Amino acid sequence: MKNCNLTSFRDHLDEQYGKEGTKSRTEYEEGFEAFKLGVLLQDLRTKEGMTQEELANRCGTTKSYISRIENNASDIRLSTIMRIFREGFGKQIKLSVN
């Protein structure tokens, strides 16, 4: 028996933010990517056993800036995020274009 009340995630996004390519959908997707970056940073930092302050000291920024990135409250320059991962964790960022 099929449940007709189920909605796919894509359909949900279409309904909430518009179809792919619309301004509101693009803004949502860009915001989501920034959110994922903050989660990635926080996850790596905690796995490394570092506080925000320790990470900030390693890469020459402030604890509040690290917090803003992790909480998706800051526009981040690519050069800054690359420096945080390079100097803070000894890692390189790889980008892809879809």
PDB file of N, CA and C in Angstrom:
ATOM      1  N   MET A   1       0.837  -1.175   0.000  1.00  0.00           N
ATOM      2  CA  MET A   1       0.000   0.000   0.000  1.00  0.00           C
ATOM      3  C   MET A   1       0.885   1.243   0.000  1.00  0.00           C
ATOM      4  N   LYS A   2       0.626   2.156  -0.869  1.00  0.00           N
ATOM      5  CA  LYS A   2       1.445   3.356  -1.031  1.00  0.00           C
ATOM      6  C   LYS A   2       0.889   4.482  -0.167  1.00  0.00           C
ATOM      7  N   ASN A   3       1.782   5.192   0.535  1.00  0.00           N
ATOM      8  CA  ASN A   3       1.374   6.329   1.354  1.00  0.00           C
ATOM      9  C   ASN A   3       1.481   7.589   0.507  1.00  0.00           C
ATOM     10  N   CYS A   4       0.359   8.169   0.169  1.00  0.00           N
ATOM     11  CA  CYS A   4       0.337   9.346  -0.708  1.00  0.00           C
ATOM     12  C   CYS A   4       0.641  10.641   0.028  1.00  0.00           C
ATOM     13  N   ASN A   5       0.835  10.578   1.339  1.00  0.00           N
ATOM     14  CA  ASN A   5       1.116  11.785   2.118  1.00  0.00           C
ATOM     15  C   ASN A   5       2.602  12.106   2.188  1.00  0.00           C
ATOM     16  N   LEU A   6       3.445  11.247   1.641  1.00  0.00           N
ATOM     17  CA  LEU A   6       4.887  11.476   1.689  1.00  0.00           C
ATOM     18  C   LEU A   6       5.306  12.460   0.601  1.00  0.00           C
ATOM     19  N   THR A   7       6.254  13.313   0.956  1.00  0.00           N
ATOM     20  CA  THR A   7       6.800  14.284   0.018  1.00  0.00           C
ATOM     21  C   THR A   7       8.307  14.082  -0.040  1.00  0.00           C
ATOM     22  N   SER A   8       8.874  14.089  -1.238  1.00  0.00           N
ATOM     23  CA  SER A   8      10.323  13.959  -1.357  1.00  0.00           C
ATOM     24  C   SER A   8      10.984  15.244  -0.846  1.00  0.00           C
ATOM     25  N   PHE A   9      12.245  15.126  -0.479  1.00  0.00           N
ATOM     26  CA  PHE A   9      12.968  16.298   0.001  1.00  0.00           C
ATOM     27  C   PHE A   9      13.065  17.350  -1.099  1.00  0.00           C
ATOM     28  N   ARG A  10      13.298  16.909  -2.317  1.00  0.00           N
ATOM     29  CA  ARG A  10      13.383  17.841  -3.455  1.00  0.00           C
ATOM     30  C   ARG A  10      12.060  18.583  -3.635  1.00  0.00           C
ATOM     31  N   ASP A  11      10.943  17.859  -3.532  1.00  0.00           N
ATOM     32  CA  ASP A  11       9.636  18.514  -3.637  1.00  0.00           C
ATOM     33  C   ASP A  11       9.426  19.505  -2.498  1.00  0.00           C
ATOM     34  N   HIS A  12       9.880  19.120  -1.319  1.00  0.00           N
ATOM     35  CA  HIS A  12       9.780  20.033  -0.170  1.00  0.00           C
ATOM     36  C   HIS A  12      10.568  21.317  -0.435  1.00  0.00           C
ATOM     37  N   LEU A  13      11.795  21.179  -0.938  1.00  0.00           N
ATOM     38  CA  LEU A  13      12.602  22.359  -1.248  1.00  0.00           C
ATOM     39  C   LEU A  13      11.945  23.208  -2.321  1.00  0.00           C
ATOM     40  N   ASP A  14      11.396  22.551  -3.344  1.00  0.00           N
ATOM     41  CA  ASP A  14      10.697  23.282  -4.407  1.00  0.00           C
ATOM     42  C   ASP A  14       9.555  24.102  -3.832  1.00  0.00           C
ATOM     43  N   GLU A  15       8.813  23.501  -2.907  1.00  0.00           N
ATOM     44  CA  GLU A  15       7.663  24.186  -2.315  1.00  0.00           C
ATOM     45  C   GLU A  15       8.097  25.324  -1.396  1.00  0.00           C
ATOM     46  N   GLN A  16       9.114  25.089  -0.592  1.00  0.00           N
ATOM     47  CA  GLN A  16       9.551  26.081   0.389  1.00  0.00           C
ATOM     48  C   GLN A  16      10.390  27.207  -0.207  1.00  0.00           C
ATOM     49  N   TYR A  17      11.270  26.872  -1.177  1.00  0.00           N
ATOM     50  CA  TYR A  17      12.255  27.836  -1.665  1.00  0.00           C
ATOM     51  C   TYR A  17      12.179  28.096  -3.163  1.00  0.00           C
ATOM     52  N   GLY A  18      11.292  27.399  -3.854  1.00  0.00           N
ATOM     53  CA  GLY A  18      11.180  27.575  -5.294  1.00  0.00           C
ATOM     54  C   GLY A  18      11.988  26.527  -6.041  1.00  0.00           C
ATOM     55  N   LYS A  19      11.778  26.463  -7.318  1.00  0.00           N
ATOM     56  CA  LYS A  19      12.478  25.500  -8.170  1.00  0.00           C
ATOM     57  C   LYS A  19      13.959  25.852  -8.272  1.00  0.00           C
ATOM     58  N   GLU A  20      14.771  24.847  -8.607  1.00  0.00           N
ATOM     59  CA  GLU A  20      16.200  25.089  -8.810  1.00  0.00           C
ATOM     60  C   GLU A  20      16.383  26.185  -9.847  1.00  0.00           C
ATOM     61  N   GLY A  21      17.313  27.088  -9.571  1.00  0.00           N
ATOM     62  CA  GLY A  21      17.596  28.184 -10.482  1.00  0.00           C
ATOM     63  C   GLY A  21      16.889  29.484 -10.118  1.00  0.00           C
ATOM     64  N   THR A  22      15.882  29.410  -9.246  1.00  0.00           N
ATOM     65  CA  THR A  22      15.223  30.638  -8.816  1.00  0.00           C
ATOM     66  C   THR A  22      16.085  31.334  -7.775  1.00  0.00           C
ATOM     67  N   LYS A  23      15.885  32.618  -7.609  1.00  0.00           N
ATOM     68  CA  LYS A  23      16.690  33.396  -6.668  1.00  0.00           C
ATOM     69  C   LYS A  23      16.583  32.857  -5.239  1.00  0.00           C
ATOM     70  N   SER A  24      15.358  32.578  -4.797  1.00  0.00           N
ATOM     71  CA  SER A  24      15.194  32.121  -3.415  1.00  0.00           C
ATOM     72  C   SER A  24      15.823  30.752  -3.195  1.00  0.00           C
ATOM     73  N   ARG A  25      15.757  29.879  -4.181  1.00  0.00           N
ATOM     74  CA  ARG A  25      16.364  28.550  -4.050  1.00  0.00           C
ATOM     75  C   ARG A  25      17.882  28.665  -4.042  1.00  0.00           C
ATOM     76  N   THR A  26      18.423  29.510  -4.896  1.00  0.00           N
ATOM     77  CA  THR A  26      19.871  29.715  -4.938  1.00  0.00           C
ATOM     78  C   THR A  26      20.375  30.274  -3.617  1.00  0.00           C
ATOM     79  N   GLU A  27      19.658  31.237  -3.045  1.00  0.00           N
ATOM     80  CA  GLU A  27      20.041  31.801  -1.743  1.00  0.00           C
ATOM     81  C   GLU A  27      20.010  30.732  -0.659  1.00  0.00           C
ATOM     82  N   TYR A  28      18.974  29.891  -0.675  1.00  0.00           N
ATOM     83  CA  TYR A  28      18.890  28.797   0.295  1.00  0.00           C
ATOM     84  C   TYR A  28      20.092  27.862   0.148  1.00  0.00           C
ATOM     85  N   GLU A  29      20.388  27.447  -1.081  1.00  0.00           N
ATOM     86  CA  GLU A  29      21.471  26.493  -1.304  1.00  0.00           C
ATOM     87  C   GLU A  29      22.828  27.075  -0.921  1.00  0.00           C
ATOM     88  N   GLU A  30      23.053  28.359  -1.201  1.00  0.00           N
ATOM     89  CA  GLU A  30      24.314  28.996  -0.802  1.00  0.00           C
ATOM     90  C   GLU A  30      24.417  29.068   0.716  1.00  0.00           C
ATOM     91  N   GLY A  31      23.323  29.397   1.373  1.00  0.00           N
ATOM     92  CA  GLY A  31      23.313  29.437   2.835  1.00  0.00           C
ATOM     93  C   GLY A  31      23.565  28.075   3.442  1.00  0.00           C
ATOM     94  N   PHE A  32      23.013  27.048   2.810  1.00  0.00           N
ATOM     95  CA  PHE A  32      23.211  25.691   3.300  1.00  0.00           C
ATOM     96  C   PHE A  32      24.672  25.271   3.170  1.00  0.00           C
ATOM     97  N   GLU A  33      25.322  25.668   2.088  1.00  0.00           N
ATOM     98  CA  GLU A  33      26.744  25.353   1.920  1.00  0.00           C
ATOM     99  C   GLU A  33      27.577  26.028   3.012  1.00  0.00           C
ATOM    100  N   ALA A  34      27.252  27.272   3.341  1.00  0.00           N
ATOM    101  CA  ALA A  34      27.960  27.975   4.414  1.00  0.00           C
ATOM    102  C   ALA A  34      27.725  27.275   5.745  1.00  0.00           C
ATOM    103  N   PHE A  35      26.490  26.826   5.969  1.00  0.00           N
ATOM    104  CA  PHE A  35      26.163  26.083   7.192  1.00  0.00           C
ATOM    105  C   PHE A  35      27.000  24.809   7.279  1.00  0.00           C
ATOM    106  N   LYS A  36      27.088  24.068   6.168  1.00  0.00           N
ATOM    107  CA  LYS A  36      27.862  22.828   6.159  1.00  0.00           C
ATOM    108  C   LYS A  36      29.334  23.094   6.463  1.00  0.00           C
ATOM    109  N   LEU A  37      29.860  24.197   5.950  1.00  0.00           N
ATOM    110  CA  LEU A  37      31.253  24.541   6.222  1.00  0.00           C
ATOM    111  C   LEU A  37      31.468  24.777   7.715  1.00  0.00           C
ATOM    112  N   GLY A  38      30.540  25.466   8.356  1.00  0.00           N
ATOM    113  CA  GLY A  38      30.630  25.696   9.790  1.00  0.00           C
ATOM    114  C   GLY A  38      30.577  24.407  10.589  1.00  0.00           C
ATOM    115  N   VAL A  39      29.699  23.492  10.176  1.00  0.00           N
ATOM    116  CA  VAL A  39      29.590  22.196  10.848  1.00  0.00           C
ATOM    117  C   VAL A  39      30.865  21.394  10.658  1.00  0.00           C
ATOM    118  N   LEU A  40      31.411  21.421   9.450  1.00  0.00           N
ATOM    119  CA  LEU A  40      32.667  20.721   9.162  1.00  0.00           C
ATOM    120  C   LEU A  40      33.792  21.256  10.045  1.00  0.00           C
ATOM    121  N   LEU A  41      33.887  22.569  10.145  1.00  0.00           N
ATOM    122  CA  LEU A  41      34.919  23.190  10.978  1.00  0.00           C
ATOM    123  C   LEU A  41      34.761  22.774  12.439  1.00  0.00           C
ATOM    124  N   GLN A  42      33.546  22.865  12.956  1.00  0.00           N
ATOM    125  CA  GLN A  42      33.307  22.507  14.353  1.00  0.00           C
ATOM    126  C   GLN A  42      33.594  21.030  14.606  1.00  0.00           C
ATOM    127  N   ASP A  43      33.174  20.169  13.693  1.00  0.00           N
ATOM    128  CA  ASP A  43      33.401  18.739  13.852  1.00  0.00           C
ATOM    129  C   ASP A  43      34.890  18.418  13.867  1.00  0.00           C
ATOM    130  N   LEU A  44      35.636  18.983  12.944  1.00  0.00           N
ATOM    131  CA  LEU A  44      37.079  18.742  12.896  1.00  0.00           C
ATOM    132  C   LEU A  44      37.766  19.285  14.142  1.00  0.00           C
ATOM    133  N   ARG A  45      37.375  20.472  14.562  1.00  0.00           N
ATOM    134  CA  ARG A  45      37.973  21.081  15.757  1.00  0.00           C
ATOM    135  C   ARG A  45      37.741  20.211  16.990  1.00  0.00           C
ATOM    136  N   THR A  46      36.519  19.722  17.164  1.00  0.00           N
ATOM    137  CA  THR A  46      36.243  18.902  18.350  1.00  0.00           C
ATOM    138  C   THR A  46      36.943  17.552  18.264  1.00  0.00           C
ATOM    139  N   LYS A  47      37.027  16.965  17.054  1.00  0.00           N
ATOM    140  CA  LYS A  47      37.752  15.704  16.897  1.00  0.00           C
ATOM    141  C   LYS A  47      39.231  15.876  17.228  1.00  0.00           C
ATOM    142  N   GLU A  48      39.773  17.056  16.936  1.00  0.00           N
ATOM    143  CA  GLU A  48      41.179  17.351  17.241  1.00  0.00           C
ATOM    144  C   GLU A  48      41.360  17.738  18.717  1.00  0.00           C
ATOM    145  N   GLY A  49      40.257  17.852  19.457  1.00  0.00           N
ATOM    146  CA  GLY A  49      40.323  18.187  20.878  1.00  0.00           C
ATOM    147  C   GLY A  49      40.703  19.633  21.144  1.00  0.00           C
ATOM    148  N   MET A  50      40.349  20.517  20.216  1.00  0.00           N
ATOM    149  CA  MET A  50      40.705  21.936  20.340  1.00  0.00           C
ATOM    150  C   MET A  50      39.503  22.773  20.735  1.00  0.00           C
ATOM    151  N   THR A  51      39.775  23.797  21.518  1.00  0.00           N
ATOM    152  CA  THR A  51      38.749  24.798  21.789  1.00  0.00           C
ATOM    153  C   THR A  51      38.760  25.804  20.643  1.00  0.00           C
ATOM    154  N   GLN A  52      37.724  26.624  20.597  1.00  0.00           N
ATOM    155  CA  GLN A  52      37.698  27.683  19.589  1.00  0.00           C
ATOM    156  C   GLN A  52      38.879  28.626  19.785  1.00  0.00           C
ATOM    157  N   GLU A  53      39.202  28.893  21.022  1.00  0.00           N
ATOM    158  CA  GLU A  53      40.316  29.800  21.308  1.00  0.00           C
ATOM    159  C   GLU A  53      41.647  29.210  20.855  1.00  0.00           C
ATOM    160  N   GLU A  54      41.848  27.915  21.074  1.00  0.00           N
ATOM    161  CA  GLU A  54      43.088  27.270  20.631  1.00  0.00           C
ATOM    162  C   GLU A  54      43.207  27.311  19.103  1.00  0.00           C
ATOM    163  N   LEU A  55      42.111  27.027  18.422  1.00  0.00           N
ATOM    164  CA  LEU A  55      42.131  27.091  16.965  1.00  0.00           C
ATOM    165  C   LEU A  55      42.408  28.512  16.489  1.00  0.00           C
ATOM    166  N   ALA A  56      41.768  29.478  17.095  1.00  0.00           N
ATOM    167  CA  ALA A  56      41.976  30.882  16.723  1.00  0.00           C
ATOM    168  C   ALA A  56      43.436  31.279  16.900  1.00  0.00           C
ATOM    169  N   ASN A  57      44.050  30.876  17.996  1.00  0.00           N
ATOM    170  CA  ASN A  57      45.455  31.199  18.245  1.00  0.00           C
ATOM    171  C   ASN A  57      46.375  30.565  17.211  1.00  0.00           C
ATOM    172  N   ARG A  58      46.060  29.357  16.785  1.00  0.00           N
ATOM    173  CA  ARG A  58      46.883  28.671  15.779  1.00  0.00           C
ATOM    174  C   ARG A  58      46.866  29.379  14.428  1.00  0.00           C
ATOM    175  N   CYS A  59      45.740  29.979  14.100  1.00  0.00           N
ATOM    176  CA  CYS A  59      45.628  30.525  12.743  1.00  0.00           C
ATOM    177  C   CYS A  59      45.496  32.040  12.715  1.00  0.00           C
ATOM    178  N   GLY A  60      45.746  32.695  13.830  1.00  0.00           N
ATOM    179  CA  GLY A  60      45.820  34.154  13.832  1.00  0.00           C
ATOM    180  C   GLY A  60      44.496  34.869  13.689  1.00  0.00           C
ATOM    181  N   THR A  61      43.465  34.323  14.289  1.00  0.00           N
ATOM    182  CA  THR A  61      42.175  35.008  14.292  1.00  0.00           C
ATOM    183  C   THR A  61      41.636  35.018  15.719  1.00  0.00           C
ATOM    184  N   THR A  62      40.383  35.334  15.884  1.00  0.00           N
ATOM    185  CA  THR A  62      39.810  35.426  17.229  1.00  0.00           C
ATOM    186  C   THR A  62      38.831  34.287  17.481  1.00  0.00           C
ATOM    187  N   LYS A  63      38.623  33.994  18.747  1.00  0.00           N
ATOM    188  CA  LYS A  63      37.648  32.989  19.156  1.00  0.00           C
ATOM    189  C   LYS A  63      36.265  33.355  18.640  1.00  0.00           C
ATOM    190  N   SER A  64      35.919  34.622  18.713  1.00  0.00           N
ATOM    191  CA  SER A  64      34.586  35.036  18.268  1.00  0.00           C
ATOM    192  C   SER A  64      34.412  34.826  16.763  1.00  0.00           C
ATOM    193  N   TYR A  65      35.488  34.982  15.992  1.00  0.00           N
ATOM    194  CA  TYR A  65      35.386  34.749  14.549  1.00  0.00           C
ATOM    195  C   TYR A  65      35.163  33.271  14.254  1.00  0.00           C
ATOM    196  N   ILE A  66      35.882  32.403  14.961  1.00  0.00           N
ATOM    197  CA  ILE A  66      35.683  30.958  14.800  1.00  0.00           C
ATOM    198  C   ILE A  66      34.244  30.607  15.167  1.00  0.00           C
ATOM    199  N   SER A  67      33.755  31.158  16.243  1.00  0.00           N
ATOM    200  CA  SER A  67      32.377  30.915  16.674  1.00  0.00           C
ATOM    201  C   SER A  67      31.377  31.375  15.617  1.00  0.00           C
ATOM    202  N   ARG A  68      31.612  32.536  15.038  1.00  0.00           N
ATOM    203  CA  ARG A  68      30.702  33.048  14.010  1.00  0.00           C
ATOM    204  C   ARG A  68      30.677  32.132  12.793  1.00  0.00           C
ATOM    205  N   ILE A  69      31.826  31.593  12.411  1.00  0.00           N
ATOM    206  CA  ILE A  69      31.861  30.660  11.279  1.00  0.00           C
ATOM    207  C   ILE A  69      31.083  29.389  11.629  1.00  0.00           C
ATOM    208  N   GLU A  70      31.354  28.844  12.815  1.00  0.00           N
ATOM    209  CA  GLU A  70      30.691  27.608  13.218  1.00  0.00           C
ATOM    210  C   GLU A  70      29.183  27.771  13.362  1.00  0.00           C
ATOM    211  N   ASN A  71      28.744  28.967  13.671  1.00  0.00           N
ATOM    212  CA  ASN A  71      27.316  29.226  13.854  1.00  0.00           C
ATOM    213  C   ASN A  71      26.680  29.901  12.649  1.00  0.00           C
ATOM    214  N   ASN A  72      27.388  29.883  11.519  1.00  0.00           N
ATOM    215  CA  ASN A  72      26.862  30.391  10.253  1.00  0.00           C
ATOM    216  C   ASN A  72      26.425  31.848  10.348  1.00  0.00           C
ATOM    217  N   ALA A  73      27.173  32.640  11.087  1.00  0.00           N
ATOM    218  CA  ALA A  73      26.786  34.033  11.272  1.00  0.00           C
ATOM    219  C   ALA A  73      27.786  34.989  10.645  1.00  0.00           C
ATOM    220  N   SER A  74      28.582  34.506   9.731  1.00  0.00           N
ATOM    221  CA  SER A  74      29.607  35.361   9.162  1.00  0.00           C
ATOM    222  C   SER A  74      29.846  35.029   7.700  1.00  0.00           C
ATOM    223  N   ASP A  75      30.010  36.056   6.890  1.00  0.00           N
ATOM    224  CA  ASP A  75      30.474  35.854   5.524  1.00  0.00           C
ATOM    225  C   ASP A  75      31.977  35.589   5.627  1.00  0.00           C
ATOM    226  N   ILE A  76      32.441  34.562   4.989  1.00  0.00           N
ATOM    227  CA  ILE A  76      33.823  34.134   5.149  1.00  0.00           C
ATOM    228  C   ILE A  76      34.569  34.291   3.842  1.00  0.00           C
ATOM    229  N   ARG A  77      35.713  34.921   3.916  1.00  0.00           N
ATOM    230  CA  ARG A  77      36.570  34.990   2.732  1.00  0.00           C
ATOM    231  C   ARG A  77      37.215  33.637   2.520  1.00  0.00           C
ATOM    232  N   LEU A  78      37.319  33.237   1.268  1.00  0.00           N
ATOM    233  CA  LEU A  78      37.923  31.950   0.946  1.00  0.00           C
ATOM    234  C   LEU A  78      39.352  31.875   1.474  1.00  0.00           C
ATOM    235  N   SER A  79      40.109  32.944   1.334  1.00  0.00           N
ATOM    236  CA  SER A  79      41.498  32.935   1.812  1.00  0.00           C
ATOM    237  C   SER A  79      41.557  32.717   3.322  1.00  0.00           C
ATOM    238  N   THR A  80      40.588  33.246   4.042  1.00  0.00           N
ATOM    239  CA  THR A  80      40.561  33.073   5.499  1.00  0.00           C
ATOM    240  C   THR A  80      40.246  31.633   5.869  1.00  0.00           C
ATOM    241  N   ILE A  81      39.241  31.052   5.234  1.00  0.00           N
ATOM    242  CA  ILE A  81      38.886  29.680   5.566  1.00  0.00           C
ATOM    243  C   ILE A  81      40.016  28.727   5.179  1.00  0.00           C
ATOM    244  N   MET A  82      40.698  29.011   4.083  1.00  0.00           N
ATOM    245  CA  MET A  82      41.842  28.189   3.691  1.00  0.00           C
ATOM    246  C   MET A  82      42.955  28.285   4.735  1.00  0.00           C
ATOM    247  N   ARG A  83      43.191  29.490   5.243  1.00  0.00           N
ATOM    248  CA  ARG A  83      44.220  29.679   6.272  1.00  0.00           C
ATOM    249  C   ARG A  83      43.849  28.954   7.561  1.00  0.00           C
ATOM    250  N   ILE A  84      42.582  29.007   7.944  1.00  0.00           N
ATOM    251  CA  ILE A  84      42.144  28.323   9.172  1.00  0.00           C
ATOM    252  C   ILE A  84      42.400  26.824   9.063  1.00  0.00           C
ATOM    253  N   PHE A  85      42.033  26.226   7.942  1.00  0.00           N
ATOM    254  CA  PHE A  85      42.247  24.783   7.790  1.00  0.00           C
ATOM    255  C   PHE A  85      43.727  24.442   7.641  1.00  0.00           C
ATOM    256  N   ARG A  86      44.486  25.286   6.939  1.00  0.00           N
ATOM    257  CA  ARG A  86      45.925  25.023   6.737  1.00  0.00           C
ATOM    258  C   ARG A  86      46.698  25.187   8.037  1.00  0.00           C
ATOM    259  N   GLU A  87      46.538  26.349   8.689  1.00  0.00           N
ATOM    260  CA  GLU A  87      47.328  26.634   9.883  1.00  0.00           C
ATOM    261  C   GLU A  87      46.741  25.999  11.142  1.00  0.00           C
ATOM    262  N   GLY A  88      45.442  25.861  11.174  1.00  0.00           N
ATOM    263  CA  GLY A  88      44.794  25.294  12.360  1.00  0.00           C
ATOM    264  C   GLY A  88      44.844  23.782  12.416  1.00  0.00           C
ATOM    265  N   PHE A  89      44.756  23.143  11.236  1.00  0.00           N
ATOM    266  CA  PHE A  89      44.666  21.685  11.202  1.00  0.00           C
ATOM    267  C   PHE A  89      45.726  21.020  10.331  1.00  0.00           C
ATOM    268  N   GLY A  90      46.485  21.813   9.568  1.00  0.00           N
ATOM    269  CA  GLY A  90      47.451  21.226   8.648  1.00  0.00           C
ATOM    270  C   GLY A  90      46.778  20.535   7.469  1.00  0.00           C
ATOM    271  N   LYS A  91      45.625  21.056   7.063  1.00  0.00           N
ATOM    272  CA  LYS A  91      44.850  20.444   5.982  1.00  0.00           C
ATOM    273  C   LYS A  91      44.617  21.447   4.860  1.00  0.00           C
ATOM    274  N   GLN A  92      44.398  20.899   3.673  1.00  0.00           N
ATOM    275  CA  GLN A  92      44.097  21.726   2.498  1.00  0.00           C
ATOM    276  C   GLN A  92      42.628  21.547   2.153  1.00  0.00           C
ATOM    277  N   ILE A  93      42.036  22.589   1.598  1.00  0.00           N
ATOM    278  CA  ILE A  93      40.661  22.537   1.136  1.00  0.00           C
ATOM    279  C   ILE A  93      40.663  22.282  -0.369  1.00  0.00           C
ATOM    280  N   LYS A  94      39.783  21.388  -0.788  1.00  0.00           N
ATOM    281  CA  LYS A  94      39.586  21.139  -2.215  1.00  0.00           C
ATOM    282  C   LYS A  94      38.188  21.591  -2.571  1.00  0.00           C
ATOM    283  N   LEU A  95      38.075  22.334  -3.641  1.00  0.00           N
ATOM    284  CA  LEU A  95      36.778  22.833  -4.094  1.00  0.00           C
ATOM    285  C   LEU A  95      36.359  22.093  -5.345  1.00  0.00           C
ATOM    286  N   SER A  96      35.059  21.996  -5.552  1.00  0.00           N
ATOM    287  CA  SER A  96      34.557  21.435  -6.794  1.00  0.00           C
ATOM    288  C   SER A  96      33.430  22.325  -7.295  1.00  0.00           C
ATOM    289  N   VAL A  97      33.232  22.297  -8.588  1.00  0.00           N
ATOM    290  CA  VAL A  97      32.174  23.070  -9.206  1.00  0.00           C
ATOM    291  C   VAL A  97      31.201  22.075  -9.832  1.00  0.00           C
ATOM    292  N   ASN A  98      29.939  22.225  -9.496  1.00  0.00           N
ATOM    293  CA  ASN A  98      28.911  21.318 -10.041  1.00  0.00           C
ATOM    294  C   ASN A  98      28.117  22.029 -11.104  1.00  0.00           C
TER     295      ASN A  98
END
